[in-house]
Amino acid sequence: MRILHAQTGRTHSVSGMCGLLGTSRQAYYKKDDLKCMVTYALEEFVVQFAKEVRAKDPGIGGKKIWHMYMQGLGRQYGIGRDRFYAILDGHGMKLTQKRRKPRTSRVTHCQSQEEHRDK
């Protein structure tokens, strides 16, 4: 919104633009661009870390990657588990598990019994 205000600052007021976007003037002035940049940088750092780990072991899960991240870099660049998973999910890096279906009948078993009866 700051970019929009910089481009059209003389023709549109801050309160008018905030009204259009459904935010308050206080939210406009409170928003810290530096904090946003730090958040984006940390997110990119997490993605690069996960890509490096997955390059070595493609089947490693998000929980193990998070533990590795926290052991190595958690004190400097700490991030919560749920946020870590959300970042992986947002970048399409979550692994999908193959769902196991219970076998309720064994067709081959029945066929083999019939073959034994015929003999």
N, C-alpha and C. Protein backbone atom coordinates (compact mmCIF):
# COMPACT_ATOMS: atom_id res chain seq x y z
N MET A 1 0.82 -1.17 0.00
CA MET A 1 0.00 0.00 0.00
C MET A 1 0.88 1.25 0.00
N ARG A 2 2.06 1.14 0.58
CA ARG A 2 2.97 2.30 0.58
C ARG A 2 3.40 2.65 -0.84
N ILE A 3 3.60 1.65 -1.66
CA ILE A 3 3.98 1.91 -3.05
C ILE A 3 2.84 2.61 -3.78
N LEU A 4 1.63 2.14 -3.54
CA LEU A 4 0.46 2.76 -4.15
C LEU A 4 0.33 4.22 -3.71
N HIS A 5 0.56 4.47 -2.44
CA HIS A 5 0.47 5.85 -1.95
C HIS A 5 1.59 6.71 -2.52
N ALA A 6 2.77 6.13 -2.70
CA ALA A 6 3.87 6.89 -3.28
C ALA A 6 3.57 7.27 -4.73
N GLN A 7 2.89 6.39 -5.44
CA GLN A 7 2.58 6.66 -6.84
C GLN A 7 1.43 7.66 -6.99
N THR A 8 0.44 7.58 -6.10
CA THR A 8 -0.75 8.43 -6.24
C THR A 8 -0.96 9.30 -5.01
N GLY A 9 0.11 9.68 -4.35
CA GLY A 9 0.01 10.42 -3.10
C GLY A 9 -0.67 11.77 -3.23
N ARG A 10 -0.50 12.42 -4.32
CA ARG A 10 -1.09 13.76 -4.47
C ARG A 10 -2.57 13.71 -4.83
N THR A 11 -2.99 12.62 -5.43
CA THR A 11 -4.39 12.54 -5.84
C THR A 11 -5.27 11.80 -4.83
N HIS A 12 -4.69 10.92 -4.03
CA HIS A 12 -5.46 10.13 -3.07
C HIS A 12 -4.86 10.29 -1.68
N SER A 13 -5.71 10.42 -0.69
CA SER A 13 -5.23 10.52 0.69
C SER A 13 -5.02 9.13 1.28
N VAL A 14 -4.27 9.08 2.37
CA VAL A 14 -4.02 7.82 3.05
C VAL A 14 -5.33 7.26 3.60
N SER A 15 -6.14 8.10 4.20
CA SER A 15 -7.40 7.60 4.78
C SER A 15 -8.34 7.10 3.69
N GLY A 16 -8.34 7.74 2.53
CA GLY A 16 -9.19 7.28 1.43
C GLY A 16 -8.75 5.92 0.90
N MET A 17 -7.43 5.73 0.76
CA MET A 17 -6.93 4.43 0.29
C MET A 17 -7.15 3.35 1.33
N CYS A 18 -7.00 3.69 2.61
CA CYS A 18 -7.24 2.71 3.67
C CYS A 18 -8.70 2.28 3.68
N GLY A 19 -9.59 3.23 3.42
CA GLY A 19 -11.01 2.91 3.35
C GLY A 19 -11.31 1.95 2.21
N LEU A 20 -10.66 2.15 1.07
CA LEU A 20 -10.86 1.26 -0.08
C LEU A 20 -10.35 -0.15 0.20
N LEU A 21 -9.23 -0.24 0.90
CA LEU A 21 -8.63 -1.54 1.15
C LEU A 21 -9.11 -2.21 2.43
N GLY A 22 -9.93 -1.50 3.20
CA GLY A 22 -10.51 -2.10 4.40
C GLY A 22 -9.56 -2.15 5.59
N THR A 23 -8.59 -1.25 5.65
CA THR A 23 -7.69 -1.18 6.79
C THR A 23 -7.81 0.20 7.43
N SER A 24 -7.22 0.34 8.59
CA SER A 24 -7.27 1.63 9.27
C SER A 24 -6.00 2.43 8.95
N ARG A 25 -6.06 3.72 9.23
CA ARG A 25 -4.88 4.56 9.05
C ARG A 25 -3.79 4.13 10.02
N GLN A 26 -4.20 3.71 11.20
CA GLN A 26 -3.23 3.26 12.19
C GLN A 26 -2.45 2.05 11.67
N ALA A 27 -3.14 1.13 11.03
CA ALA A 27 -2.47 -0.05 10.49
C ALA A 27 -1.49 0.34 9.39
N TYR A 28 -1.86 1.33 8.60
CA TYR A 28 -0.97 1.81 7.54
C TYR A 28 0.33 2.34 8.13
N TYR A 29 0.24 3.16 9.15
CA TYR A 29 1.43 3.76 9.72
C TYR A 29 2.19 2.81 10.64
N LYS A 30 1.51 1.82 11.19
CA LYS A 30 2.15 0.87 12.08
C LYS A 30 2.95 -0.19 11.34
N LYS A 31 2.57 -0.46 10.13
CA LYS A 31 3.21 -1.52 9.37
C LYS A 31 4.68 -1.20 9.20
N ASP A 32 5.50 -2.16 9.56
CA ASP A 32 6.94 -1.96 9.51
C ASP A 32 7.50 -2.73 8.31
N ASP A 33 7.98 -2.01 7.34
CA ASP A 33 8.51 -2.66 6.14
C ASP A 33 9.76 -3.47 6.45
N LEU A 34 10.58 -2.99 7.36
CA LEU A 34 11.78 -3.73 7.72
C LEU A 34 11.44 -5.08 8.31
N LYS A 35 10.40 -5.11 9.15
CA LYS A 35 9.98 -6.37 9.76
C LYS A 35 9.50 -7.35 8.68
N CYS A 36 8.79 -6.85 7.70
CA CYS A 36 8.32 -7.69 6.59
C CYS A 36 9.50 -8.26 5.81
N MET A 37 10.49 -7.44 5.57
CA MET A 37 11.66 -7.89 4.82
C MET A 37 12.42 -8.96 5.61
N VAL A 38 12.53 -8.81 6.91
CA VAL A 38 13.20 -9.81 7.75
C VAL A 38 12.42 -11.12 7.71
N THR A 39 11.11 -11.02 7.76
CA THR A 39 10.26 -12.22 7.70
C THR A 39 10.43 -12.94 6.37
N TYR A 40 10.44 -12.20 5.27
CA TYR A 40 10.62 -12.81 3.95
C TYR A 40 12.01 -13.41 3.80
N ALA A 41 13.03 -12.75 4.35
CA ALA A 41 14.38 -13.28 4.28
C ALA A 41 14.50 -14.58 5.08
N LEU A 42 13.88 -14.62 6.27
CA LEU A 42 13.91 -15.83 7.08
C LEU A 42 13.18 -16.97 6.38
N GLU A 43 12.07 -16.65 5.74
CA GLU A 43 11.32 -17.67 5.00
C GLU A 43 12.17 -18.23 3.86
N GLU A 44 12.84 -17.37 3.14
CA GLU A 44 13.69 -17.83 2.04
C GLU A 44 14.86 -18.66 2.58
N PHE A 45 15.38 -18.27 3.73
CA PHE A 45 16.47 -19.02 4.36
C PHE A 45 16.01 -20.43 4.72
N VAL A 46 14.81 -20.54 5.25
CA VAL A 46 14.24 -21.85 5.60
C VAL A 46 14.06 -22.71 4.36
N VAL A 47 13.58 -22.12 3.29
CA VAL A 47 13.37 -22.87 2.04
C VAL A 47 14.69 -23.37 1.49
N GLN A 48 15.71 -22.53 1.49
CA GLN A 48 17.02 -22.95 0.99
C GLN A 48 17.61 -24.06 1.86
N PHE A 49 17.45 -23.95 3.17
CA PHE A 49 17.93 -24.99 4.08
C PHE A 49 17.24 -26.31 3.77
N ALA A 50 15.92 -26.28 3.61
CA ALA A 50 15.17 -27.51 3.33
C ALA A 50 15.56 -28.10 1.98
N LYS A 51 15.81 -27.26 0.99
CA LYS A 51 16.23 -27.76 -0.32
C LYS A 51 17.59 -28.43 -0.25
N GLU A 52 18.51 -27.87 0.53
CA GLU A 52 19.84 -28.48 0.69
C GLU A 52 19.74 -29.84 1.37
N VAL A 53 18.90 -29.94 2.38
CA VAL A 53 18.73 -31.21 3.07
C VAL A 53 18.07 -32.23 2.16
N ARG A 54 17.06 -31.80 1.43
CA ARG A 54 16.36 -32.73 0.52
C ARG A 54 17.23 -33.14 -0.66
N ALA A 55 18.21 -32.31 -1.04
CA ALA A 55 19.12 -32.70 -2.11
C ALA A 55 19.96 -33.91 -1.68
N LYS A 56 20.31 -33.96 -0.40
CA LYS A 56 21.09 -35.08 0.12
C LYS A 56 20.21 -36.29 0.39
N ASP A 57 19.01 -36.06 0.90
CA ASP A 57 18.08 -37.15 1.25
C ASP A 57 16.67 -36.74 0.84
N PRO A 58 16.21 -37.12 -0.35
CA PRO A 58 14.91 -36.65 -0.84
C PRO A 58 13.71 -37.12 -0.03
N GLY A 59 13.83 -38.20 0.70
CA GLY A 59 12.69 -38.75 1.41
C GLY A 59 12.56 -38.27 2.84
N ILE A 60 13.39 -37.36 3.27
CA ILE A 60 13.36 -36.93 4.67
C ILE A 60 12.15 -36.04 4.90
N GLY A 61 11.49 -36.23 6.02
CA GLY A 61 10.26 -35.51 6.30
C GLY A 61 10.48 -34.15 6.91
N GLY A 62 9.41 -33.38 6.98
CA GLY A 62 9.47 -32.02 7.50
C GLY A 62 9.83 -31.97 8.97
N LYS A 63 9.39 -32.94 9.74
CA LYS A 63 9.68 -32.95 11.17
C LYS A 63 11.18 -33.10 11.42
N LYS A 64 11.82 -34.00 10.68
CA LYS A 64 13.26 -34.19 10.84
C LYS A 64 14.03 -32.97 10.34
N ILE A 65 13.57 -32.37 9.27
CA ILE A 65 14.23 -31.16 8.77
C ILE A 65 14.12 -30.05 9.80
N TRP A 66 12.96 -29.92 10.42
CA TRP A 66 12.78 -28.88 11.44
C TRP A 66 13.71 -29.11 12.63
N HIS A 67 13.84 -30.38 13.06
CA HIS A 67 14.75 -30.68 14.17
C HIS A 67 16.20 -30.36 13.78
N MET A 68 16.59 -30.69 12.56
CA MET A 68 17.94 -30.38 12.10
C MET A 68 18.15 -28.86 12.07
N TYR A 69 17.15 -28.15 11.61
CA TYR A 69 17.23 -26.68 11.54
C TYR A 69 17.37 -26.09 12.94
N MET A 70 16.58 -26.56 13.87
CA MET A 70 16.62 -26.02 15.22
C MET A 70 17.93 -26.35 15.93
N GLN A 71 18.49 -27.53 15.68
CA GLN A 71 19.76 -27.89 16.29
C GLN A 71 20.90 -27.04 15.74
N GLY A 72 20.88 -26.80 14.45
CA GLY A 72 21.97 -26.07 13.83
C GLY A 72 21.83 -24.56 13.87
N LEU A 73 20.64 -24.06 13.60
CA LEU A 73 20.45 -22.62 13.42
C LEU A 73 19.37 -22.03 14.30
N GLY A 74 18.78 -22.82 15.16
CA GLY A 74 17.63 -22.38 15.94
C GLY A 74 17.90 -21.22 16.88
N ARG A 75 19.09 -21.13 17.41
CA ARG A 75 19.37 -20.05 18.35
C ARG A 75 19.49 -18.71 17.66
N GLN A 76 20.04 -18.69 16.47
CA GLN A 76 20.17 -17.42 15.74
C GLN A 76 18.91 -17.07 14.98
N TYR A 77 18.37 -18.04 14.28
CA TYR A 77 17.23 -17.79 13.38
C TYR A 77 16.09 -18.72 13.74
N GLY A 78 15.65 -18.68 14.98
CA GLY A 78 14.60 -19.58 15.45
C GLY A 78 13.28 -19.34 14.75
N ILE A 79 12.57 -20.43 14.58
CA ILE A 79 11.24 -20.37 13.95
C ILE A 79 10.42 -21.51 14.56
N GLY A 80 9.16 -21.28 14.73
CA GLY A 80 8.28 -22.28 15.32
C GLY A 80 8.00 -23.43 14.37
N ARG A 81 7.62 -24.55 14.95
CA ARG A 81 7.35 -25.74 14.16
C ARG A 81 6.22 -25.53 13.17
N ASP A 82 5.11 -24.96 13.63
CA ASP A 82 3.96 -24.77 12.75
C ASP A 82 4.27 -23.79 11.63
N ARG A 83 5.01 -22.73 11.93
CA ARG A 83 5.41 -21.77 10.90
C ARG A 83 6.33 -22.45 9.88
N PHE A 84 7.23 -23.31 10.39
CA PHE A 84 8.14 -24.04 9.50
C PHE A 84 7.34 -24.91 8.54
N TYR A 85 6.35 -25.64 9.06
CA TYR A 85 5.52 -26.49 8.21
C TYR A 85 4.71 -25.65 7.21
N ALA A 86 4.23 -24.49 7.65
CA ALA A 86 3.46 -23.62 6.75
C ALA A 86 4.34 -23.12 5.61
N ILE A 87 5.59 -22.82 5.90
CA ILE A 87 6.51 -22.36 4.85
C ILE A 87 6.76 -23.48 3.86
N LEU A 88 7.01 -24.70 4.37
CA LEU A 88 7.22 -25.83 3.46
C LEU A 88 5.99 -26.09 2.61
N ASP A 89 4.82 -26.00 3.23
CA ASP A 89 3.57 -26.22 2.50
C ASP A 89 3.35 -25.13 1.45
N GLY A 90 3.66 -23.91 1.80
CA GLY A 90 3.47 -22.80 0.86
C GLY A 90 4.37 -22.89 -0.35
N HIS A 91 5.50 -23.54 -0.21
CA HIS A 91 6.44 -23.69 -1.33
C HIS A 91 6.34 -25.07 -1.98
N GLY A 92 5.33 -25.83 -1.61
CA GLY A 92 5.10 -27.14 -2.23
C GLY A 92 6.18 -28.15 -1.90
N MET A 93 6.73 -28.09 -0.71
CA MET A 93 7.82 -28.98 -0.34
C MET A 93 7.41 -30.07 0.65
N LYS A 94 6.13 -30.17 0.94
CA LYS A 94 5.68 -31.23 1.84
C LYS A 94 5.65 -32.54 1.09
N LEU A 95 6.00 -33.60 1.77
CA LEU A 95 5.94 -34.92 1.17
C LEU A 95 4.55 -35.50 1.38
N THR A 96 4.08 -36.24 0.41
CA THR A 96 2.79 -36.91 0.56
C THR A 96 3.04 -38.37 0.89
N GLN A 97 2.33 -38.85 1.88
CA GLN A 97 2.47 -40.24 2.25
C GLN A 97 1.46 -41.07 1.48
N LYS A 98 1.89 -42.24 1.09
CA LYS A 98 0.98 -43.15 0.42
C LYS A 98 0.06 -43.75 1.47
N ARG A 99 -1.22 -43.61 1.24
CA ARG A 99 -2.18 -44.13 2.21
C ARG A 99 -2.31 -45.64 2.07
N ARG A 100 -2.29 -46.26 3.19
CA ARG A 100 -2.42 -47.72 3.22
C ARG A 100 -3.89 -48.08 3.31
N LYS A 101 -4.34 -48.90 2.40
CA LYS A 101 -5.71 -49.37 2.43
C LYS A 101 -5.74 -50.77 3.04
N PRO A 102 -6.64 -51.01 3.94
CA PRO A 102 -6.72 -52.36 4.50
C PRO A 102 -7.26 -53.34 3.46
N ARG A 103 -6.69 -54.51 3.44
CA ARG A 103 -7.17 -55.54 2.50
C ARG A 103 -8.25 -56.34 3.21
N THR A 104 -9.43 -56.27 2.68
CA THR A 104 -10.55 -56.96 3.33
C THR A 104 -10.79 -58.34 2.74
N SER A 105 -10.31 -58.55 1.55
CA SER A 105 -10.47 -59.88 0.95
C SER A 105 -9.23 -60.20 0.13
N ARG A 106 -8.97 -61.48 0.00
CA ARG A 106 -7.81 -61.91 -0.77
C ARG A 106 -8.31 -62.75 -1.94
N VAL A 107 -8.38 -62.11 -3.07
CA VAL A 107 -8.88 -62.81 -4.25
C VAL A 107 -7.91 -63.90 -4.65
N THR A 108 -6.63 -63.65 -4.61
CA THR A 108 -5.66 -64.67 -5.02
C THR A 108 -5.68 -65.85 -4.05
N HIS A 109 -5.93 -65.60 -2.79
CA HIS A 109 -6.00 -66.68 -1.81
C HIS A 109 -7.18 -67.60 -2.13
N CYS A 110 -8.32 -67.02 -2.48
CA CYS A 110 -9.51 -67.82 -2.82
C CYS A 110 -9.27 -68.62 -4.08
N GLN A 111 -8.60 -68.01 -5.04
CA GLN A 111 -8.34 -68.72 -6.28
C GLN A 111 -7.39 -69.89 -6.05
N SER A 112 -6.41 -69.70 -5.21
CA SER A 112 -5.45 -70.78 -4.97
C SER A 112 -6.13 -71.93 -4.23
N GLN A 113 -7.11 -71.66 -3.37
CA GLN A 113 -7.82 -72.74 -2.68
C GLN A 113 -8.67 -73.53 -3.68
N GLU A 114 -9.28 -72.81 -4.63
CA GLU A 114 -10.09 -73.51 -5.64
C GLU A 114 -9.21 -74.40 -6.50
N GLU A 115 -8.00 -73.93 -6.81
CA GLU A 115 -7.10 -74.75 -7.62
C GLU A 115 -6.70 -76.01 -6.87
N HIS A 116 -6.51 -75.88 -5.55
CA HIS A 116 -6.14 -77.05 -4.75
C HIS A 116 -7.28 -78.04 -4.66
N ARG A 117 -8.53 -77.57 -4.66
CA ARG A 117 -9.70 -78.48 -4.60
C ARG A 117 -9.83 -79.25 -5.91
N ASP A 118 -9.52 -78.57 -7.02
CA ASP A 118 -9.66 -79.23 -8.32
C ASP A 118 -8.66 -80.37 -8.51
N LYS A 119 -7.56 -80.32 -7.82
CA LYS A 119 -6.52 -81.34 -8.01
C LYS A 119 -6.86 -82.59 -7.32
